[in-house]
Amino acid sequence: MITAIVLIKTSVDRIPEIAERIAALESVSEVFSVTGTYDLIAIVRVKEHEDLAEVIPGRISKIPGVEGTDTHVAFRTYSQHDLEAAFAIGLDN
């Protein structure tokens, strides 16, 4: 699974509607409304690198009100949840 973090600039007066439309897209697992240079951050998970082109410029960027994106592809995922689950295997509470 390939994970991309997509930083999104939008029309400020339409952030909630744009976030909902992005969140409804297949392959988008989460959308965060944030402070700072960007208005939204979307987490996109796909099977193949080629699928990123379909989701990000092909769908997210075409939503009215999306002004620009900056995409970062993850090399590895480190998660506290994953570590806790691994150590809990075989343990009874």
C-alpha atoms as a PDB file:
ATOM      1  CA  MET A   1       0.000   0.000   0.000  1.00  0.00           C
ATOM      2  CA  ILE A   2       1.356   3.425  -0.974  1.00  0.00           C
ATOM      3  CA  THR A   3       0.525   6.382   1.247  1.00  0.00           C
ATOM      4  CA  ALA A   4       0.599   9.982   0.087  1.00  0.00           C
ATOM      5  CA  ILE A   5       0.144  13.065   2.230  1.00  0.00           C
ATOM      6  CA  VAL A   6      -1.508  15.765   0.135  1.00  0.00           C
ATOM      7  CA  LEU A   7      -1.295  19.387   1.296  1.00  0.00           C
ATOM      8  CA  ILE A   8      -4.164  21.339  -0.250  1.00  0.00           C
ATOM      9  CA  LYS A   9      -4.825  25.065  -0.731  1.00  0.00           C
ATOM     10  CA  THR A  10      -8.499  25.929  -1.171  1.00  0.00           C
ATOM     11  CA  SER A  11     -10.922  28.804  -1.369  1.00  0.00           C
ATOM     12  CA  VAL A  12     -11.052  29.741   2.316  1.00  0.00           C
ATOM     13  CA  ASP A  13     -14.801  30.343   2.313  1.00  0.00           C
ATOM     14  CA  ARG A  14     -15.471  26.785   1.072  1.00  0.00           C
ATOM     15  CA  ILE A  15     -13.132  24.665   3.233  1.00  0.00           C
ATOM     16  CA  PRO A  16     -15.830  22.470   4.863  1.00  0.00           C
ATOM     17  CA  GLU A  17     -17.567  21.618   1.560  1.00  0.00           C
ATOM     18  CA  ILE A  18     -14.291  20.931  -0.223  1.00  0.00           C
ATOM     19  CA  ALA A  19     -13.068  18.755   2.665  1.00  0.00           C
ATOM     20  CA  GLU A  20     -16.272  16.692   2.523  1.00  0.00           C
ATOM     21  CA  ARG A  21     -15.960  16.187  -1.231  1.00  0.00           C
ATOM     22  CA  ILE A  22     -12.341  15.082  -0.909  1.00  0.00           C
ATOM     23  CA  ALA A  23     -13.145  12.752   2.012  1.00  0.00           C
ATOM     24  CA  ALA A  24     -15.836  11.076  -0.103  1.00  0.00           C
ATOM     25  CA  LEU A  25     -13.320  10.077  -2.790  1.00  0.00           C
ATOM     26  CA  GLU A  26     -12.229   6.466  -3.007  1.00  0.00           C
ATOM     27  CA  SER A  27      -8.616   6.038  -1.789  1.00  0.00           C
ATOM     28  CA  VAL A  28      -8.845   9.068   0.523  1.00  0.00           C
ATOM     29  CA  SER A  29      -8.766   7.766   4.084  1.00  0.00           C
ATOM     30  CA  GLU A  30      -8.753  11.039   6.020  1.00  0.00           C
ATOM     31  CA  VAL A  31      -8.962  14.785   5.511  1.00  0.00           C
ATOM     32  CA  PHE A  32      -7.802  17.292   8.129  1.00  0.00           C
ATOM     33  CA  SER A  33      -8.620  20.999   8.270  1.00  0.00           C
ATOM     34  CA  VAL A  34      -5.417  22.671   9.481  1.00  0.00           C
ATOM     35  CA  THR A  35      -3.806  26.006  10.246  1.00  0.00           C
ATOM     36  CA  GLY A  36      -0.810  27.340   8.379  1.00  0.00           C
ATOM     37  CA  THR A  37       0.120  27.662   4.733  1.00  0.00           C
ATOM     38  CA  TYR A  38      -2.321  24.960   3.608  1.00  0.00           C
ATOM     39  CA  ASP A  39      -6.025  24.620   4.382  1.00  0.00           C
ATOM     40  CA  LEU A  40      -6.459  20.842   4.216  1.00  0.00           C
ATOM     41  CA  ILE A  41      -4.315  17.731   4.476  1.00  0.00           C
ATOM     42  CA  ALA A  42      -5.563  14.515   2.866  1.00  0.00           C
ATOM     43  CA  ILE A  43      -4.192  11.024   3.393  1.00  0.00           C
ATOM     44  CA  VAL A  44      -4.393   8.997   0.177  1.00  0.00           C
ATOM     45  CA  ARG A  45      -3.738   5.246   0.121  1.00  0.00           C
ATOM     46  CA  VAL A  46      -3.426   3.364  -3.176  1.00  0.00           C
ATOM     47  CA  LYS A  47      -2.018   0.050  -4.410  1.00  0.00           C
ATOM     48  CA  GLU A  48       0.160   1.365  -7.256  1.00  0.00           C
ATOM     49  CA  HIS A  49       2.076   4.599  -7.837  1.00  0.00           C
ATOM     50  CA  GLU A  50       0.138   5.133 -11.052  1.00  0.00           C
ATOM     51  CA  ASP A  51      -3.073   5.297  -9.008  1.00  0.00           C
ATOM     52  CA  LEU A  52      -1.810   8.484  -7.345  1.00  0.00           C
ATOM     53  CA  ALA A  53      -2.133  10.308 -10.666  1.00  0.00           C
ATOM     54  CA  GLU A  54      -5.745   9.239 -10.953  1.00  0.00           C
ATOM     55  CA  VAL A  55      -6.635  10.349  -7.425  1.00  0.00           C
ATOM     56  CA  ILE A  56      -4.639  13.541  -6.877  1.00  0.00           C
ATOM     57  CA  PRO A  57      -4.477  15.482 -10.156  1.00  0.00           C
ATOM     58  CA  GLY A  58      -7.320  13.452 -11.655  1.00  0.00           C
ATOM     59  CA  ARG A  59      -9.890  13.952  -8.885  1.00  0.00           C
ATOM     60  CA  ILE A  60      -8.755  16.091  -5.944  1.00  0.00           C
ATOM     61  CA  SER A  61      -7.324  18.906  -8.077  1.00  0.00           C
ATOM     62  CA  LYS A  62     -10.478  19.034 -10.206  1.00  0.00           C
ATOM     63  CA  ILE A  63     -12.810  19.741  -7.286  1.00  0.00           C
ATOM     64  CA  PRO A  64     -14.048  23.339  -7.606  1.00  0.00           C
ATOM     65  CA  GLY A  65     -12.314  25.492  -5.007  1.00  0.00           C
ATOM     66  CA  VAL A  66      -9.096  23.463  -4.866  1.00  0.00           C
ATOM     67  CA  GLU A  67      -6.390  25.975  -5.763  1.00  0.00           C
ATOM     68  CA  GLY A  68      -3.309  23.783  -5.516  1.00  0.00           C
ATOM     69  CA  THR A  69      -1.754  20.660  -4.022  1.00  0.00           C
ATOM     70  CA  ASP A  70       1.650  19.597  -2.746  1.00  0.00           C
ATOM     71  CA  THR A  71       2.072  15.815  -2.508  1.00  0.00           C
ATOM     72  CA  HIS A  72       4.491  13.867  -0.323  1.00  0.00           C
ATOM     73  CA  VAL A  73       4.815  10.086  -0.800  1.00  0.00           C
ATOM     74  CA  ALA A  74       5.703   8.109   2.314  1.00  0.00           C
ATOM     75  CA  PHE A  75       8.682   5.740   2.186  1.00  0.00           C
ATOM     76  CA  ARG A  76       7.799   3.994   5.451  1.00  0.00           C
ATOM     77  CA  THR A  77       5.107   4.196   8.077  1.00  0.00           C
ATOM     78  CA  TYR A  78       5.941   4.269  11.770  1.00  0.00           C
ATOM     79  CA  SER A  79       2.992   4.016  14.106  1.00  0.00           C
ATOM     80  CA  GLN A  80       2.631   3.649  17.857  1.00  0.00           C
ATOM     81  CA  HIS A  81      -0.574   1.661  17.214  1.00  0.00           C
ATOM     82  CA  ASP A  82       1.348  -0.882  15.128  1.00  0.00           C
ATOM     83  CA  LEU A  83       3.974  -1.309  17.852  1.00  0.00           C
ATOM     84  CA  GLU A  84       1.359  -1.784  20.571  1.00  0.00           C
ATOM     85  CA  ALA A  85      -0.482  -4.399  18.497  1.00  0.00           C
ATOM     86  CA  ALA A  86       2.735  -6.322  17.812  1.00  0.00           C
ATOM     87  CA  PHE A  87       3.645  -6.500  21.501  1.00  0.00           C
ATOM     88  CA  ALA A  88       0.097  -7.518  22.460  1.00  0.00           C
ATOM     89  CA  ILE A  89       0.035 -10.645  20.256  1.00  0.00           C
ATOM     90  CA  GLY A  90      -0.627 -13.703  22.395  1.00  0.00           C
ATOM     91  CA  LEU A  91      -1.205 -11.772  25.606  1.00  0.00           C
ATOM     92  CA  ASP A  92      -4.416 -12.138  27.573  1.00  0.00           C
ATOM     93  CA  ASN A  93      -5.668  -9.083  29.423  1.00  0.00           C
END
